[in-house]
Structure formats: structure tokens, C-alpha cells
N, C-alpha and C. Protein backbone atom coordinates (compact mmCIF):
# COMPACT_ATOMS: atom_id res chain seq x y z
N MET A 1 29.27 9.32 16.63
CA MET A 1 28.64 10.63 16.61
C MET A 1 28.80 11.32 17.96
N THR A 2 28.95 12.61 17.92
CA THR A 2 29.17 13.37 19.14
C THR A 2 27.83 13.86 19.69
N ALA A 3 27.61 13.60 20.97
CA ALA A 3 26.39 14.06 21.62
C ALA A 3 26.50 15.56 21.93
N ILE A 4 25.39 16.25 21.79
CA ILE A 4 25.35 17.69 22.06
C ILE A 4 25.62 17.94 23.54
N LYS A 5 26.44 18.98 23.79
CA LYS A 5 26.71 19.43 25.16
C LYS A 5 26.70 20.96 25.19
N GLN A 6 26.69 21.53 26.38
CA GLN A 6 26.72 22.98 26.56
C GLN A 6 27.88 23.57 25.77
N GLY A 7 27.62 24.67 25.06
CA GLY A 7 28.66 25.36 24.31
C GLY A 7 28.77 24.92 22.86
N ASP A 8 28.17 23.78 22.51
CA ASP A 8 28.20 23.34 21.11
C ASP A 8 27.30 24.24 20.26
N THR A 9 27.69 24.41 19.01
CA THR A 9 26.84 25.11 18.05
C THR A 9 26.08 24.04 17.28
N VAL A 10 24.77 24.14 17.31
CA VAL A 10 23.92 23.15 16.65
C VAL A 10 23.04 23.82 15.61
N ARG A 11 22.61 23.03 14.66
CA ARG A 11 21.65 23.47 13.65
C ARG A 11 20.49 22.49 13.70
N ILE A 12 19.29 23.04 13.81
CA ILE A 12 18.10 22.18 13.87
C ILE A 12 17.03 22.68 12.91
N HIS A 13 16.23 21.74 12.43
CA HIS A 13 14.97 22.08 11.79
C HIS A 13 13.91 21.88 12.85
N TYR A 14 12.87 22.69 12.81
CA TYR A 14 11.85 22.61 13.85
C TYR A 14 10.48 23.05 13.30
N THR A 15 9.46 22.57 13.97
CA THR A 15 8.10 23.08 13.79
C THR A 15 7.54 23.28 15.18
N GLY A 16 7.09 24.51 15.46
CA GLY A 16 6.52 24.84 16.76
C GLY A 16 5.01 24.93 16.64
N THR A 17 4.31 24.22 17.53
CA THR A 17 2.85 24.27 17.52
C THR A 17 2.32 24.59 18.91
N LEU A 18 1.10 25.09 18.93
CA LEU A 18 0.38 25.30 20.19
C LEU A 18 -0.28 23.98 20.58
N GLN A 19 -0.86 23.94 21.76
CA GLN A 19 -1.53 22.73 22.24
C GLN A 19 -2.66 22.28 21.32
N ASP A 20 -3.29 23.24 20.63
CA ASP A 20 -4.40 22.90 19.73
C ASP A 20 -3.93 22.45 18.35
N GLY A 21 -2.62 22.37 18.15
CA GLY A 21 -2.07 21.90 16.88
C GLY A 21 -1.76 22.99 15.87
N ASN A 22 -2.13 24.24 16.15
CA ASN A 22 -1.81 25.34 15.23
C ASN A 22 -0.32 25.61 15.23
N VAL A 23 0.26 25.68 14.02
CA VAL A 23 1.68 25.97 13.86
C VAL A 23 1.92 27.47 14.04
N PHE A 24 2.86 27.84 14.92
CA PHE A 24 3.19 29.26 15.09
C PHE A 24 4.53 29.62 14.46
N ASP A 25 5.38 28.62 14.18
CA ASP A 25 6.66 28.90 13.54
C ASP A 25 7.24 27.59 13.03
N SER A 26 8.04 27.68 11.98
CA SER A 26 8.68 26.50 11.42
C SER A 26 9.88 26.93 10.59
N SER A 27 10.88 26.06 10.54
CA SER A 27 12.03 26.32 9.68
C SER A 27 11.84 25.67 8.31
N GLN A 28 10.70 25.06 8.08
CA GLN A 28 10.44 24.41 6.80
C GLN A 28 10.60 25.42 5.66
N GLY A 29 11.38 25.04 4.66
CA GLY A 29 11.62 25.93 3.52
C GLY A 29 12.69 26.99 3.79
N ARG A 30 13.31 26.94 4.96
CA ARG A 30 14.36 27.90 5.32
C ARG A 30 15.60 27.14 5.76
N ASP A 31 16.67 27.88 5.98
CA ASP A 31 17.88 27.26 6.54
C ASP A 31 17.58 26.81 7.96
N PRO A 32 18.28 25.79 8.45
CA PRO A 32 18.09 25.36 9.84
C PRO A 32 18.44 26.49 10.81
N LEU A 33 17.83 26.44 11.97
CA LEU A 33 18.14 27.39 13.04
C LEU A 33 19.48 27.00 13.65
N GLU A 34 20.39 27.96 13.76
CA GLU A 34 21.72 27.71 14.33
C GLU A 34 21.84 28.51 15.62
N PHE A 35 22.33 27.85 16.68
CA PHE A 35 22.50 28.53 17.97
C PHE A 35 23.52 27.77 18.81
N GLU A 36 24.03 28.45 19.82
CA GLU A 36 24.95 27.83 20.77
C GLU A 36 24.16 27.34 21.97
N VAL A 37 24.28 26.06 22.26
CA VAL A 37 23.54 25.45 23.38
C VAL A 37 23.99 26.08 24.69
N GLY A 38 23.02 26.50 25.49
CA GLY A 38 23.30 27.08 26.80
C GLY A 38 23.60 28.56 26.79
N SER A 39 23.52 29.21 25.62
CA SER A 39 23.89 30.62 25.53
C SER A 39 22.71 31.57 25.76
N GLY A 40 21.51 31.02 25.84
CA GLY A 40 20.33 31.88 26.01
C GLY A 40 19.79 32.44 24.71
N GLN A 41 20.24 31.93 23.58
CA GLN A 41 19.78 32.43 22.29
C GLN A 41 18.38 31.96 21.93
N ILE A 42 17.94 30.87 22.54
CA ILE A 42 16.59 30.34 22.29
C ILE A 42 15.88 30.16 23.62
N ILE A 43 14.59 29.82 23.59
CA ILE A 43 13.84 29.68 24.84
C ILE A 43 14.43 28.56 25.69
N PRO A 44 14.39 28.72 27.02
CA PRO A 44 15.04 27.77 27.92
C PRO A 44 14.59 26.32 27.75
N GLY A 45 13.30 26.09 27.56
CA GLY A 45 12.80 24.71 27.46
C GLY A 45 13.34 23.97 26.25
N LEU A 46 13.54 24.68 25.17
CA LEU A 46 14.09 24.05 23.97
C LEU A 46 15.61 23.87 24.13
N ASP A 47 16.26 24.87 24.69
CA ASP A 47 17.70 24.81 24.93
C ASP A 47 18.04 23.60 25.81
N SER A 48 17.28 23.39 26.87
CA SER A 48 17.59 22.30 27.81
C SER A 48 17.30 20.92 27.23
N ALA A 49 16.58 20.85 26.12
CA ALA A 49 16.28 19.56 25.49
C ALA A 49 17.40 19.09 24.57
N MET A 50 18.39 19.94 24.30
CA MET A 50 19.43 19.62 23.32
C MET A 50 20.51 18.66 23.82
N PRO A 51 21.07 18.87 25.03
CA PRO A 51 22.18 18.00 25.45
C PRO A 51 21.81 16.51 25.36
N GLY A 52 22.77 15.75 24.81
CA GLY A 52 22.60 14.31 24.67
C GLY A 52 22.13 13.88 23.29
N LEU A 53 21.52 14.80 22.53
CA LEU A 53 21.09 14.45 21.18
C LEU A 53 22.29 14.43 20.24
N VAL A 54 22.14 13.73 19.12
CA VAL A 54 23.19 13.68 18.11
C VAL A 54 22.59 14.04 16.76
N ALA A 55 23.44 14.38 15.79
CA ALA A 55 22.98 14.72 14.44
C ALA A 55 22.10 13.59 13.91
N GLY A 56 20.96 13.98 13.35
CA GLY A 56 20.01 13.00 12.82
C GLY A 56 18.88 12.68 13.78
N ASP A 57 19.06 12.98 15.08
CA ASP A 57 17.99 12.70 16.05
C ASP A 57 16.77 13.56 15.77
N LYS A 58 15.60 12.98 16.00
CA LYS A 58 14.33 13.70 15.94
C LYS A 58 13.69 13.56 17.31
N LYS A 59 13.04 14.64 17.75
CA LYS A 59 12.48 14.62 19.09
C LYS A 59 11.29 15.55 19.17
N ARG A 60 10.31 15.17 19.96
CA ARG A 60 9.17 16.03 20.29
C ARG A 60 9.46 16.60 21.67
N VAL A 61 9.39 17.94 21.77
CA VAL A 61 9.69 18.61 23.03
C VAL A 61 8.46 19.42 23.45
N GLU A 62 7.89 19.08 24.61
CA GLU A 62 6.75 19.83 25.16
C GLU A 62 7.29 20.79 26.20
N ILE A 63 6.95 22.07 26.06
CA ILE A 63 7.53 23.11 26.90
C ILE A 63 6.43 23.90 27.59
N ALA A 64 6.47 23.91 28.93
CA ALA A 64 5.52 24.71 29.71
C ALA A 64 5.83 26.20 29.49
N CYS A 65 4.82 27.03 29.61
CA CYS A 65 4.99 28.46 29.34
C CYS A 65 6.11 29.09 30.15
N VAL A 66 6.33 28.62 31.38
CA VAL A 66 7.39 29.21 32.21
C VAL A 66 8.78 28.98 31.63
N ASP A 67 8.92 27.93 30.79
CA ASP A 67 10.20 27.64 30.15
C ASP A 67 10.23 28.08 28.69
N ALA A 68 9.20 28.85 28.29
CA ALA A 68 9.12 29.37 26.92
C ALA A 68 9.18 30.89 26.99
N TYR A 69 8.03 31.55 26.84
CA TYR A 69 8.01 33.01 26.88
C TYR A 69 7.43 33.55 28.17
N GLY A 70 7.29 32.68 29.16
CA GLY A 70 6.83 33.09 30.48
C GLY A 70 5.33 33.23 30.58
N PRO A 71 4.84 33.38 31.82
CA PRO A 71 3.41 33.61 32.02
C PRO A 71 3.04 35.02 31.58
N ILE A 72 1.77 35.24 31.39
CA ILE A 72 1.29 36.59 31.06
C ILE A 72 1.51 37.49 32.27
N ASN A 73 2.11 38.63 32.04
CA ASN A 73 2.37 39.61 33.10
C ASN A 73 1.34 40.73 32.96
N PRO A 74 0.38 40.82 33.90
CA PRO A 74 -0.65 41.85 33.81
C PRO A 74 -0.08 43.27 33.76
N GLU A 75 1.11 43.48 34.33
CA GLU A 75 1.72 44.81 34.32
C GLU A 75 2.19 45.23 32.93
N MET A 76 2.24 44.28 32.00
CA MET A 76 2.64 44.58 30.63
C MET A 76 1.47 45.06 29.78
N ARG A 77 0.28 45.15 30.38
CA ARG A 77 -0.90 45.70 29.70
C ARG A 77 -1.14 47.10 30.24
N GLN A 78 -1.43 48.01 29.32
CA GLN A 78 -1.63 49.39 29.74
C GLN A 78 -2.68 50.06 28.86
N SER A 79 -3.55 50.83 29.50
CA SER A 79 -4.52 51.63 28.76
C SER A 79 -3.98 53.04 28.65
N ILE A 80 -4.04 53.58 27.43
CA ILE A 80 -3.56 54.93 27.20
C ILE A 80 -4.67 55.74 26.54
N PRO A 81 -4.60 57.06 26.64
CA PRO A 81 -5.63 57.89 25.99
C PRO A 81 -5.59 57.74 24.47
N ARG A 82 -6.75 57.57 23.86
CA ARG A 82 -6.86 57.43 22.41
C ARG A 82 -6.31 58.66 21.69
N GLU A 83 -6.47 59.81 22.30
CA GLU A 83 -6.04 61.05 21.66
C GLU A 83 -4.52 61.11 21.43
N GLY A 84 -3.75 60.27 22.12
CA GLY A 84 -2.30 60.27 21.97
C GLY A 84 -1.82 59.46 20.79
N ILE A 85 -2.74 58.82 20.06
CA ILE A 85 -2.35 57.98 18.93
C ILE A 85 -2.88 58.63 17.65
N PRO A 86 -2.02 58.81 16.65
CA PRO A 86 -2.47 59.42 15.39
C PRO A 86 -3.65 58.66 14.77
N ASP A 87 -4.54 59.40 14.13
CA ASP A 87 -5.76 58.81 13.56
C ASP A 87 -5.48 57.79 12.46
N ASP A 88 -4.34 57.89 11.79
CA ASP A 88 -4.07 56.98 10.67
C ASP A 88 -3.51 55.62 11.12
N ILE A 89 -3.33 55.41 12.42
CA ILE A 89 -2.83 54.13 12.91
C ILE A 89 -4.01 53.22 13.21
N PRO A 90 -4.05 52.02 12.60
CA PRO A 90 -5.17 51.10 12.83
C PRO A 90 -5.16 50.57 14.26
N LEU A 91 -6.33 50.49 14.87
CA LEU A 91 -6.42 50.08 16.27
C LEU A 91 -7.37 48.90 16.47
N GLU A 92 -7.51 48.05 15.46
CA GLU A 92 -8.35 46.87 15.62
C GLU A 92 -7.65 45.90 16.57
N PRO A 93 -8.41 45.21 17.44
CA PRO A 93 -7.79 44.22 18.33
C PRO A 93 -6.97 43.21 17.53
N GLY A 94 -5.77 42.92 18.05
CA GLY A 94 -4.86 42.00 17.38
C GLY A 94 -3.81 42.70 16.55
N THR A 95 -4.00 43.99 16.27
CA THR A 95 -3.03 44.74 15.47
C THR A 95 -1.72 44.87 16.24
N GLN A 96 -0.61 44.58 15.57
CA GLN A 96 0.71 44.72 16.16
C GLN A 96 1.24 46.12 15.87
N LEU A 97 1.68 46.81 16.90
CA LEU A 97 2.26 48.13 16.77
C LEU A 97 3.64 48.13 17.42
N GLN A 98 4.38 49.19 17.20
CA GLN A 98 5.68 49.33 17.85
C GLN A 98 5.72 50.66 18.57
N MET A 99 6.00 50.60 19.85
CA MET A 99 6.13 51.80 20.67
C MET A 99 7.62 51.99 20.95
N GLN A 100 7.92 53.11 21.58
CA GLN A 100 9.31 53.38 21.94
C GLN A 100 9.37 53.63 23.44
N THR A 101 10.33 52.96 24.11
CA THR A 101 10.50 53.15 25.54
C THR A 101 11.15 54.51 25.78
N PRO A 102 11.10 55.01 27.01
CA PRO A 102 11.78 56.29 27.32
C PRO A 102 13.27 56.26 26.99
N GLU A 103 13.87 55.04 27.00
CA GLU A 103 15.30 54.91 26.68
C GLU A 103 15.54 54.84 25.18
N GLY A 104 14.47 54.84 24.38
CA GLY A 104 14.60 54.82 22.93
C GLY A 104 14.57 53.44 22.29
N HIS A 105 14.27 52.39 23.08
CA HIS A 105 14.22 51.03 22.56
C HIS A 105 12.85 50.74 21.95
N ALA A 106 12.83 49.96 20.88
CA ALA A 106 11.58 49.55 20.26
C ALA A 106 10.88 48.52 21.15
N LEU A 107 9.57 48.66 21.31
CA LEU A 107 8.78 47.75 22.13
C LEU A 107 7.54 47.33 21.33
N PRO A 108 7.50 46.07 20.88
CA PRO A 108 6.31 45.63 20.15
C PRO A 108 5.13 45.46 21.11
N VAL A 109 3.97 45.91 20.69
CA VAL A 109 2.75 45.81 21.48
C VAL A 109 1.61 45.34 20.58
N THR A 110 0.58 44.78 21.21
CA THR A 110 -0.61 44.33 20.50
C THR A 110 -1.81 45.09 21.03
N VAL A 111 -2.65 45.57 20.13
CA VAL A 111 -3.88 46.23 20.54
C VAL A 111 -4.83 45.17 21.09
N VAL A 112 -5.28 45.36 22.34
CA VAL A 112 -6.21 44.44 22.97
C VAL A 112 -7.64 44.91 22.76
N GLU A 113 -7.86 46.20 22.99
CA GLU A 113 -9.17 46.80 22.75
C GLU A 113 -9.00 48.30 22.59
N ALA A 114 -9.98 48.90 21.92
CA ALA A 114 -9.93 50.35 21.69
C ALA A 114 -11.34 50.89 21.59
N ASP A 115 -11.54 52.05 22.15
CA ASP A 115 -12.80 52.78 21.96
C ASP A 115 -12.44 54.24 21.69
N GLU A 116 -13.40 55.12 21.75
CA GLU A 116 -13.14 56.53 21.44
C GLU A 116 -12.26 57.22 22.48
N VAL A 117 -12.17 56.64 23.69
CA VAL A 117 -11.46 57.30 24.78
C VAL A 117 -10.11 56.66 25.08
N THR A 118 -10.05 55.34 25.11
CA THR A 118 -8.80 54.66 25.49
C THR A 118 -8.44 53.53 24.52
N VAL A 119 -7.16 53.19 24.54
CA VAL A 119 -6.64 52.04 23.79
C VAL A 119 -5.86 51.20 24.79
N THR A 120 -6.15 49.90 24.84
CA THR A 120 -5.42 49.01 25.73
C THR A 120 -4.40 48.24 24.90
N LEU A 121 -3.12 48.36 25.31
CA LEU A 121 -2.01 47.73 24.61
C LEU A 121 -1.38 46.67 25.50
N ASP A 122 -0.91 45.60 24.88
CA ASP A 122 -0.28 44.49 25.61
C ASP A 122 1.14 44.30 25.08
N ALA A 123 2.13 44.44 25.96
CA ALA A 123 3.53 44.28 25.58
C ALA A 123 4.07 42.87 25.90
N ASN A 124 3.19 41.98 26.38
CA ASN A 124 3.62 40.59 26.57
C ASN A 124 3.97 39.99 25.21
N HIS A 125 4.89 39.04 25.19
CA HIS A 125 5.17 38.32 23.96
C HIS A 125 3.88 37.63 23.51
N PRO A 126 3.61 37.57 22.22
CA PRO A 126 2.36 36.94 21.76
C PRO A 126 2.19 35.48 22.22
N LEU A 127 3.29 34.80 22.55
CA LEU A 127 3.19 33.42 23.02
C LEU A 127 3.30 33.30 24.54
N ALA A 128 3.32 34.42 25.25
CA ALA A 128 3.35 34.37 26.72
C ALA A 128 2.10 33.65 27.22
N GLY A 129 2.30 32.84 28.25
CA GLY A 129 1.18 32.12 28.84
C GLY A 129 0.78 30.87 28.07
N ARG A 130 1.49 30.53 27.00
CA ARG A 130 1.14 29.38 26.18
C ARG A 130 2.17 28.27 26.36
N ASP A 131 1.69 27.04 26.52
CA ASP A 131 2.56 25.87 26.48
C ASP A 131 2.83 25.57 25.00
N LEU A 132 4.05 25.18 24.68
CA LEU A 132 4.45 24.99 23.29
C LEU A 132 4.94 23.57 23.04
N ILE A 133 4.83 23.13 21.79
CA ILE A 133 5.33 21.83 21.37
C ILE A 133 6.24 22.05 20.17
N PHE A 134 7.42 21.47 20.21
CA PHE A 134 8.37 21.56 19.09
C PHE A 134 8.69 20.14 18.62
N GLU A 135 8.61 19.97 17.31
CA GLU A 135 9.15 18.76 16.66
C GLU A 135 10.47 19.21 16.08
N ILE A 136 11.56 18.60 16.54
CA ILE A 136 12.88 19.04 16.09
C ILE A 136 13.64 17.90 15.41
N GLU A 137 14.57 18.29 14.56
CA GLU A 137 15.51 17.36 13.95
C GLU A 137 16.87 18.01 14.00
N VAL A 138 17.83 17.33 14.60
CA VAL A 138 19.19 17.86 14.69
C VAL A 138 19.88 17.64 13.35
N VAL A 139 20.29 18.75 12.72
CA VAL A 139 20.95 18.70 11.43
C VAL A 139 22.45 18.52 11.59
N SER A 140 23.06 19.31 12.49
CA SER A 140 24.50 19.20 12.70
C SER A 140 24.88 19.67 14.10
N VAL A 141 26.05 19.19 14.55
CA VAL A 141 26.61 19.56 15.84
C VAL A 141 28.08 19.93 15.63
N ASN A 142 28.49 21.13 16.07
CA ASN A 142 29.89 21.54 15.95
C ASN A 142 30.42 21.93 17.32
């Protein structure tokens, strides 16, 4: 069997959980995740765990937030005037919205809090600041 190395295309099944055991993502019931090792297509901590594994290997990978979606960046939180948001848009905390950058790119944000005057939005990735655990199984290596 060929051990995984940088540049190989691999397919894995995975289950991602938080430290408390809650599952945040899984390939269960779907096709395996396919990516090129070392290409930056997946989070760094998971990418760096691939070299040396072979098809059929199973592994538990614990990833610190800095090697996943990064620490929470306070500059990614912003309060904006409530009057600038249409009344028909729900603003309950936890609601996912999509804003547009000045360059026209879509930017997903989460409502942190809202009152009659301001709405606080967070553009950090929902898993920023979280350590992650992945149970992986290597399906194939090309």
C-alpha cells in the first residue's frame, strides 16, 4: 500500500466533533471527502495529519483552533444601525445572514445581539476559537 504524501489526492470519511462531543459535520451517508494533500483545500490541522497514512487507516485527529478555523478575531464583530436592515429580516441571536463586501463578495455573518437601535454581527467562522476532533478513515489514495 502506498503511504499518503504531499500532492496525493485522497478520499476520506470523517466525523468532526467539538470537545463536548457534539457533531458539527460528517460525511456519513455522503460520498467521501476528496482533496489534494497540502493544497490548502481543508483545514491545516487535518491536512497535516494525512501524510504517512494508507487506505483503510482510521485515525483520531485532535486539532487546536489555530490549526482549524483560527482564534476568534474581535475585529470581525461589528455593530451596525438597526435602521439599515430591512424589517423582514430575522435578527434573533444565532441567525445566519449574508452580507456583501464593498468588492461584491458574499460574507456570511451571524447575529450576536440586536435591539431597537443596533445589531451586532459576527463574521468569524462559526467554528473559530474551537478545538476540533476528527475521526477519519482513509478510503483511497491516488
